[in-house]
Structures are given as structure tokens and as C-alpha cells.
C-alpha atoms as a PDB file:
ATOM      1  CA  MET A   1      21.806  21.957  24.715  1.00  0.00           C
ATOM      2  CA  ALA A   2      23.721  18.715  23.686  1.00  0.00           C
ATOM      3  CA  PRO A   3      20.542  16.683  23.155  1.00  0.00           C
ATOM      4  CA  ILE A   4      18.975  19.530  20.792  1.00  0.00           C
ATOM      5  CA  THR A   5      22.271  19.790  18.942  1.00  0.00           C
ATOM      6  CA  ARG A   6      22.394  16.039  18.472  1.00  0.00           C
ATOM      7  CA  ARG A   7      18.853  15.995  17.168  1.00  0.00           C
ATOM      8  CA  ASN A   8      19.463  18.772  14.926  1.00  0.00           C
ATOM      9  CA  GLY A   9      22.326  16.884  13.479  1.00  0.00           C
ATOM     10  CA  ILE A  10      20.277  13.707  12.979  1.00  0.00           C
ATOM     11  CA  LEU A  11      17.753  15.949  11.223  1.00  0.00           C
ATOM     12  CA  ALA A  12      20.244  17.516   9.104  1.00  0.00           C
ATOM     13  CA  LYS A  13      21.732  14.118   7.829  1.00  0.00           C
ATOM     14  CA  LYS A  14      17.981  13.045   6.951  1.00  0.00           C
ATOM     15  CA  ILE A  15      17.191  16.015   5.134  1.00  0.00           C
ATOM     16  CA  ALA A  16      20.471  15.532   3.177  1.00  0.00           C
ATOM     17  CA  THR A  17      19.532  12.159   2.320  1.00  0.00           C
ATOM     18  CA  LEU A  18      16.187  13.138   1.329  1.00  0.00           C
ATOM     19  CA  GLN A  19      17.539  15.511  -1.216  1.00  0.00           C
ATOM     20  CA  LEU A  20      19.352  12.880  -3.063  1.00  0.00           C
ATOM     21  CA  SER A  21      18.536  12.824  -6.757  1.00  0.00           C
ATOM     22  CA  LEU A  22      16.811   9.962  -8.597  1.00  0.00           C
ATOM     23  CA  ALA A  23      17.220   9.057 -12.106  1.00  0.00           C
ATOM     24  CA  PRO A  24      14.162   9.149 -14.125  1.00  0.00           C
ATOM     25  CA  LEU A  25      12.740   5.681 -15.482  1.00  0.00           C
ATOM     26  CA  VAL A  26      11.291   5.736 -19.140  1.00  0.00           C
ATOM     27  CA  PRO A  27       8.534   3.392 -20.069  1.00  0.00           C
ATOM     28  CA  LEU A  28       8.727   0.696 -22.531  1.00  0.00           C
ATOM     29  CA  PRO A  29       8.777   0.815 -25.443  1.00  0.00           C
ATOM     30  CA  SER A  30       9.478   4.573 -25.405  1.00  0.00           C
ATOM     31  CA  GLY A  31       7.975   7.719 -23.922  1.00  0.00           C
ATOM     32  CA  PRO A  32       8.791  10.251 -21.056  1.00  0.00           C
ATOM     33  CA  PRO A  33       9.069   9.270 -17.602  1.00  0.00           C
ATOM     34  CA  HIS A  34       5.673   9.454 -15.477  1.00  0.00           C
ATOM     35  CA  PRO A  35       4.673  13.016 -14.768  1.00  0.00           C
ATOM     36  CA  ALA A  36       4.758  12.100 -10.975  1.00  0.00           C
ATOM     37  CA  PHE A  37       8.005  10.196 -11.200  1.00  0.00           C
ATOM     38  CA  PRO A  38       9.991  11.358  -8.047  1.00  0.00           C
ATOM     39  CA  ARG A  39      13.036  13.610  -8.643  1.00  0.00           C
ATOM     40  CA  THR A  40      14.415  13.338  -5.290  1.00  0.00           C
ATOM     41  CA  LEU A  41      14.144  10.566  -2.393  1.00  0.00           C
ATOM     42  CA  LEU A  42      12.011  13.136  -0.670  1.00  0.00           C
ATOM     43  CA  ALA A  43       9.520  13.487  -3.500  1.00  0.00           C
ATOM     44  CA  PHE A  44       9.448   9.598  -3.405  1.00  0.00           C
ATOM     45  CA  HIS A  45       8.248   9.654   0.130  1.00  0.00           C
ATOM     46  CA  LEU A  46       5.738  12.248  -0.868  1.00  0.00           C
ATOM     47  CA  LEU A  47       4.018  10.323  -3.436  1.00  0.00           C
ATOM     48  CA  THR A  48       0.274   9.987  -2.971  1.00  0.00           C
ATOM     49  CA  GLU A  49      -1.513   6.637  -3.385  1.00  0.00           C
ATOM     50  CA  ASP A  50      -3.132   7.777  -6.394  1.00  0.00           C
ATOM     51  CA  GLU A  51       0.439   8.635  -7.670  1.00  0.00           C
ATOM     52  CA  LEU A  52       1.674   5.277  -6.671  1.00  0.00           C
ATOM     53  CA  ASP A  53      -1.128   3.561  -8.326  1.00  0.00           C
ATOM     54  CA  SER A  54      -0.751   5.541 -11.475  1.00  0.00           C
ATOM     55  CA  ILE A  55       2.981   4.952 -11.802  1.00  0.00           C
ATOM     56  CA  ALA A  56       2.502   1.040 -11.405  1.00  0.00           C
ATOM     57  CA  HIS A  57      -0.069   1.356 -14.260  1.00  0.00           C
ATOM     58  CA  TYR A  58       2.279   3.643 -16.169  1.00  0.00           C
ATOM     59  CA  TYR A  59       4.929   1.079 -16.418  1.00  0.00           C
ATOM     60  CA  HIS A  60       2.737  -1.920 -16.803  1.00  0.00           C
ATOM     61  CA  GLN A  61       2.998  -3.374 -13.424  1.00  0.00           C
ATOM     62  CA  SER A  62      -0.641  -3.320 -12.175  1.00  0.00           C
ATOM     63  CA  THR A  63      -1.980  -3.712 -15.730  1.00  0.00           C
ATOM     64  CA  PRO A  64       0.122  -6.602 -17.363  1.00  0.00           C
ATOM     65  CA  GLY A  65       1.208  -6.445 -20.770  1.00  0.00           C
ATOM     66  CA  PRO A  66       4.085  -7.268 -23.204  1.00  0.00           C
ATOM     67  CA  TYR A  67       6.309  -5.117 -21.385  1.00  0.00           C
ATOM     68  CA  SER A  68       5.579  -5.849 -17.909  1.00  0.00           C
ATOM     69  CA  TYR A  69       8.657  -8.349 -17.470  1.00  0.00           C
ATOM     70  CA  HIS A  70      11.303  -6.551 -19.578  1.00  0.00           C
ATOM     71  CA  TYR A  71      11.949  -3.734 -16.829  1.00  0.00           C
ATOM     72  CA  PRO A  72      15.048  -4.471 -14.499  1.00  0.00           C
ATOM     73  CA  SER A  73      12.665  -5.176 -11.729  1.00  0.00           C
ATOM     74  CA  ASN A  74       9.132  -6.119 -11.347  1.00  0.00           C
ATOM     75  CA  MET A  75       6.534  -4.860  -8.798  1.00  0.00           C
ATOM     76  CA  ASN A  76       4.626  -7.978  -8.397  1.00  0.00           C
ATOM     77  CA  TRP A  77       1.606  -5.851  -8.002  1.00  0.00           C
ATOM     78  CA  ASP A  78      -1.220  -7.901  -6.742  1.00  0.00           C
ATOM     79  CA  LYS A  79      -4.527  -5.924  -7.519  1.00  0.00           C
ATOM     80  CA  GLU A  80      -6.610  -7.745  -5.059  1.00  0.00           C
ATOM     81  CA  PHE A  81      -4.165  -7.616  -2.355  1.00  0.00           C
ATOM     82  CA  LEU A  82      -3.615  -3.758  -2.754  1.00  0.00           C
ATOM     83  CA  ALA A  83      -6.989  -2.696  -3.658  1.00  0.00           C
ATOM     84  CA  LYS A  84      -8.031   0.737  -2.373  1.00  0.00           C
ATOM     85  CA  PRO A  85     -11.217   0.412  -0.329  1.00  0.00           C
ATOM     86  CA  GLN A  86     -14.029   2.554  -1.859  1.00  0.00           C
ATOM     87  CA  PRO A  87     -14.867   5.469   0.358  1.00  0.00           C
ATOM     88  CA  PRO A  88     -18.517   5.685   1.809  1.00  0.00           C
ATOM     89  CA  THR A  89     -20.741   8.109   0.188  1.00  0.00           C
ATOM     90  CA  PRO A  90     -20.845  11.274   2.195  1.00  0.00           C
ATOM     91  CA  GLY A  91     -23.957  12.597   3.794  1.00  0.00           C
ATOM     92  CA  PRO A  92     -25.429  16.016   3.644  1.00  0.00           C
ATOM     93  CA  SER A  93     -23.628  16.948   6.883  1.00  0.00           C
ATOM     94  CA  SER A  94     -20.251  15.478   5.888  1.00  0.00           C
ATOM     95  CA  ALA A  95     -18.986  18.961   4.721  1.00  0.00           C
ATOM     96  CA  SER A  96     -19.786  20.668   8.151  1.00  0.00           C
ATOM     97  CA  GLN A  97     -17.903  17.739  10.020  1.00  0.00           C
ATOM     98  CA  ARG A  98     -14.848  18.049   7.892  1.00  0.00           C
ATOM     99  CA  PRO A  99     -11.698  18.891  10.037  1.00  0.00           C
ATOM    100  CA  ASN A 100     -10.317  22.166   9.685  1.00  0.00           C
ATOM    101  CA  ARG A 101      -6.701  21.616   8.514  1.00  0.00           C
ATOM    102  CA  HIS A 102      -5.454  24.986   9.284  1.00  0.00           C
ATOM    103  CA  ALA A 103      -6.684  25.246  12.996  1.00  0.00           C
ATOM    104  CA  ARG A 104      -3.001  24.630  14.315  1.00  0.00           C
ATOM    105  CA  ARG A 105      -0.289  27.192  14.244  1.00  0.00           C
ATOM    106  CA  LEU A 106       2.016  26.995  11.182  1.00  0.00           C
ATOM    107  CA  SER A 107       5.030  26.053  13.320  1.00  0.00           C
ATOM    108  CA  GLN A 108       3.195  23.104  15.027  1.00  0.00           C
ATOM    109  CA  THR A 109       1.950  22.019  11.673  1.00  0.00           C
ATOM    110  CA  GLU A 110       5.593  21.887  10.199  1.00  0.00           C
ATOM    111  CA  GLN A 111       6.721  19.985  13.336  1.00  0.00           C
ATOM    112  CA  ASN A 112       4.172  17.423  12.843  1.00  0.00           C
ATOM    113  CA  TRP A 113       4.782  16.987   9.107  1.00  0.00           C
ATOM    114  CA  VAL A 114       8.477  16.565   9.666  1.00  0.00           C
ATOM    115  CA  ASP A 115       7.867  14.018  12.454  1.00  0.00           C
ATOM    116  CA  ALA A 116       5.435  12.030  10.344  1.00  0.00           C
ATOM    117  CA  LEU A 117       7.742  12.207   7.557  1.00  0.00           C
ATOM    118  CA  LEU A 118      10.704  10.768   9.290  1.00  0.00           C
ATOM    119  CA  LYS A 119       8.680   7.981  10.838  1.00  0.00           C
ATOM    120  CA  THR A 120       7.538   7.123   7.230  1.00  0.00           C
ATOM    121  CA  VAL A 121      11.168   6.867   6.234  1.00  0.00           C
ATOM    122  CA  ASP A 122      12.313   4.949   9.301  1.00  0.00           C
ATOM    123  CA  GLY A 123       9.220   2.571   8.887  1.00  0.00           C
ATOM    124  CA  MET A 124       9.561   1.599   5.470  1.00  0.00           C
ATOM    125  CA  ARG A 125      11.434  -1.789   6.238  1.00  0.00           C
ATOM    126  CA  ALA A 126       8.870  -2.581   9.136  1.00  0.00           C
ATOM    127  CA  PRO A 127       7.200  -5.989   8.045  1.00  0.00           C
ATOM    128  CA  ILE A 128       3.354  -5.623   7.240  1.00  0.00           C
ATOM    129  CA  LEU A 129       1.309  -8.471   8.907  1.00  0.00           C
ATOM    130  CA  ARG A 130      -2.480  -8.853   8.675  1.00  0.00           C
ATOM    131  CA  SER A 131      -4.018  -6.873  11.688  1.00  0.00           C
ATOM    132  CA  LYS A 132      -5.108  -8.949  14.407  1.00  0.00           C
ATOM    133  CA  SER A 133      -8.328  -6.909  14.795  1.00  0.00           C
ATOM    134  CA  SER A 134      -9.292  -7.951  11.413  1.00  0.00           C
ATOM    135  CA  PRO A 135     -12.393 -10.194  11.444  1.00  0.00           C
ATOM    136  CA  ASP A 136     -11.915 -13.789  10.395  1.00  0.00           C
ATOM    137  CA  ILE A 137     -15.474 -14.020   9.015  1.00  0.00           C
ATOM    138  CA  ALA A 138     -17.579 -11.032   7.725  1.00  0.00           C
ATOM    139  CA  ALA A 139     -20.979 -10.084   8.640  1.00  0.00           C
ATOM    140  CA  ASP A 140     -22.221 -12.139   5.712  1.00  0.00           C
ATOM    141  CA  GLY A 141     -20.431 -15.388   6.799  1.00  0.00           C
ATOM    142  CA  THR A 142     -17.665 -14.905   4.235  1.00  0.00           C
ATOM    143  CA  HIS A 143     -13.886 -14.353   4.739  1.00  0.00           C
ATOM    144  CA  PRO A 144     -12.888 -10.882   4.014  1.00  0.00           C
ATOM    145  CA  ALA A 145     -10.362 -10.174   1.280  1.00  0.00           C
ATOM    146  CA  PRO A 146      -6.702 -10.951   2.093  1.00  0.00           C
ATOM    147  CA  TYR A 147      -5.301  -8.020   4.196  1.00  0.00           C
ATOM    148  CA  ALA A 148      -8.653  -6.599   4.777  1.00  0.00           C
ATOM    149  CA  GLY A 149      -7.440  -5.468   8.165  1.00  0.00           C
ATOM    150  CA  LEU A 150      -4.529  -3.135   6.744  1.00  0.00           C
ATOM    151  CA  SER A 151      -4.669   0.429   7.529  1.00  0.00           C
ATOM    152  CA  ASP A 152      -4.422   2.971   4.885  1.00  0.00           C
ATOM    153  CA  ARG A 153      -0.996   3.752   6.136  1.00  0.00           C
ATOM    154  CA  GLU A 154      -0.013   0.068   5.918  1.00  0.00           C
ATOM    155  CA  ARG A 155      -1.360  -0.479   2.348  1.00  0.00           C
ATOM    156  CA  ILE A 156       0.478   2.786   1.036  1.00  0.00           C
ATOM    157  CA  ARG A 157       3.493   1.656   2.685  1.00  0.00           C
ATOM    158  CA  ILE A 158       3.451  -1.570   0.749  1.00  0.00           C
ATOM    159  CA  LYS A 159       2.691   0.066  -2.546  1.00  0.00           C
ATOM    160  CA  ARG A 160       5.552   2.513  -1.943  1.00  0.00           C
ATOM    161  CA  ARG A 161       7.983   0.040  -1.119  1.00  0.00           C
ATOM    162  CA  LYS A 162       7.055  -2.078  -4.294  1.00  0.00           C
ATOM    163  CA  VAL A 163       7.434   1.229  -6.266  1.00  0.00           C
ATOM    164  CA  GLY A 164      10.835   2.001  -4.591  1.00  0.00           C
ATOM    165  CA  LYS A 165      12.220  -1.501  -5.430  1.00  0.00           C
ATOM    166  CA  PHE A 166      11.119  -1.101  -8.907  1.00  0.00           C
ATOM    167  CA  ILE A 167      12.836   2.253  -9.549  1.00  0.00           C
ATOM    168  CA  GLY A 168      16.164   0.876  -7.958  1.00  0.00           C
ATOM    169  CA  LEU A 169      16.073   2.153  -4.131  1.00  0.00           C
ATOM    170  CA  CYS A 170      17.982   0.119  -1.543  1.00  0.00           C
ATOM    171  CA  GLY A 171      16.306  -1.476   1.511  1.00  0.00           C
ATOM    172  CA  MET A 172      12.706  -1.889  -0.334  1.00  0.00           C
ATOM    173  CA  GLU A 173      12.786  -5.882  -0.174  1.00  0.00           C
ATOM    174  CA  THR A 174       9.485  -7.365   0.877  1.00  0.00           C
ATOM    175  CA  PRO A 175       9.922  -8.710   4.452  1.00  0.00           C
ATOM    176  CA  VAL A 176       9.725 -12.447   4.977  1.00  0.00           C
ATOM    177  CA  GLU A 177       6.820 -12.022   7.362  1.00  0.00           C
ATOM    178  CA  GLU A 178       4.801 -10.260   4.866  1.00  0.00           C
ATOM    179  CA  ILE A 179       5.128 -12.864   2.322  1.00  0.00           C
ATOM    180  CA  ALA A 180       4.444 -15.645   4.683  1.00  0.00           C
ATOM    181  CA  GLY A 181       1.272 -13.633   5.839  1.00  0.00           C
ATOM    182  CA  ARG A 182       0.100 -13.166   2.041  1.00  0.00           C
ATOM    183  CA  ILE A 183       0.455 -16.963   1.784  1.00  0.00           C
ATOM    184  CA  GLN A 184      -1.447 -17.742   4.800  1.00  0.00           C
ATOM    185  CA  ALA A 185      -4.214 -15.307   3.434  1.00  0.00           C
ATOM    186  CA  SER A 186      -4.309 -17.106   0.022  1.00  0.00           C
ATOM    187  CA  LEU A 187      -4.610 -20.439   1.776  1.00  0.00           C
ATOM    188  CA  GLU A 188      -7.493 -19.391   3.974  1.00  0.00           C
ATOM    189  CA  ARG A 189      -9.206 -17.927   0.886  1.00  0.00           C
ATOM    190  CA  ALA A 190      -8.983 -21.172  -0.949  1.00  0.00           C
ATOM    191  CA  VAL A 191     -10.180 -23.152   2.070  1.00  0.00           C
ATOM    192  CA  GLN A 192     -13.079 -20.850   2.364  1.00  0.00           C
ATOM    193  CA  ARG A 193     -13.791 -21.303  -1.356  1.00  0.00           C
ATOM    194  CA  SER A 194     -13.780 -24.978  -0.944  1.00  0.00           C
ATOM    195  CA  ARG A 195     -16.115 -24.974   1.747  1.00  0.00           C
ATOM    196  CA  GLU A 196     -18.714 -22.637  -0.081  1.00  0.00           C
ATOM    197  CA  GLU A 197     -18.396 -25.042  -3.021  1.00  0.00           C
ATOM    198  CA  MET A 198     -19.254 -28.148  -0.807  1.00  0.00           C
ATOM    199  CA  ARG A 199     -22.061 -26.357   0.869  1.00  0.00           C
ATOM    200  CA  ARG A 200     -23.561 -25.547  -2.499  1.00  0.00           C
ATOM    201  CA  ASN A 201     -23.300 -29.014  -3.684  1.00  0.00           C
ATOM    202  CA  GLU A 202     -25.000 -30.371  -0.614  1.00  0.00           C
ATOM    203  CA  GLU A 203     -27.857 -27.778  -1.126  1.00  0.00           C
ATOM    204  CA  ILE A 204     -28.362 -29.169  -4.528  1.00  0.00           C
ATOM    205  CA  MET A 205     -28.248 -32.680  -3.421  1.00  0.00           C
ATOM    206  CA  MET A 206     -30.908 -32.040  -0.846  1.00  0.00           C
ATOM    207  CA  ARG A 207     -33.161 -30.313  -3.374  1.00  0.00           C
ATOM    208  CA  ARG A 208     -32.958 -33.311  -5.718  1.00  0.00           C
ATOM    209  CA  ARG A 209     -33.682 -35.693  -2.962  1.00  0.00           C
ATOM    210  CA  LYS A 210     -36.719 -33.741  -2.098  1.00  0.00           C
ATOM    211  CA  MET A 211     -37.935 -33.708  -5.618  1.00  0.00           C
ATOM    212  CA  ILE A 212     -37.741 -37.698  -5.925  1.00  0.00           C
END
């Protein structure tokens, strides 16, 4: 029974931490806090990607303006880096293939939810790196967008960390590995653009020579 008791104690501490209240942040120059602004640490970890995007926009972080840099912190919101992939157009049979979310028993669903939440909280400080499975060159011969190999979970975790740092939460600093990865991705993109520009210039020169 000791391991179970110890696990329950750890879970109780986690729950107590997640119940901590957060002070609302008002936008500049004035106005009420964002409707989805988390009132507790638990609510912060339950923010959806759409809510995170909306908060970044509401506080002038994803849409730069005169007030963007007058907040105590800045999200450094990179729209291209954090772009949400467009979902594919659903086919006529997509509805029939949709998984049944209520197929499991409630107790099992609750347990899975708690486990996933705890993993999310524990993984907030983990560095985000470009997926090794991401292709270096796309099918059309071009390089994919920076961090194109990020999973939805990884992309949302970055956004959550940026919002968390913006509203004053501790432990939300950007890992050095992530910064290095983004710099590398930017360099690769710059090199690729240079190569494409050189290729276009060579094609133009070849056409001009044929016309002479």
C-alpha cells in the first residue's frame, strides 16, 4: 500500500499546485482581460491552441502594434514558426470514421485525462527540437517551413510556454536547444532561398544566350 499512498500524495501536491490562482492581465491601453485568460494554473494548462492564439493576438503579440513592447514581457511570437497547419478537407466518409470518444468507461477516461495532464505539466520545460523524421526537402524540391516536423503537441507546448512567460509564470524560459534549432532552421531557409535565386538567374541567362 505504500507505493499507492506515495503516488496519491504526489498527485495531491500536483492538484494543489494546479489550483493556484493567477492574477488577470489587462490589455493596453485599457480593457478587460481576455475572456479565456486562465484564472488558475490548471486552467492555464487546459488552454486550447485556438485560445492560446487568441490570447497572443489580444495582447498585441502575434499582431504587432504600438503596445506590443510595452508589456512587462514579450512573447516573441513568430507567426511562421508557430503556424497552425491547415486541416485537410474532410471526405464524405470522414464522419463515419470519427472515433467514439465515449467508448471507454468514465473511470478510465478520467484516469487517462489526469495522466495526460500531469505529463503536460512535467514536460513544459523539455526542449523542442526539429523532428528527425521531418524531410529536409519536400516533394516539390523546396525546403519545408521551419520546424515543419513539429507535432501538434510540440507546437502547442511552445505556444503555452510563451503565453506562460508572458503572464509571469516561472519555469517558462525558452530552452537553449530550441533557440539553436530555430537559428539553424532560419539559416537553412536563407541558404535555400539563395540557391533558388541563383537557379532562376542561371535559367534567365540560358534563355538570353539562346536568343542571341
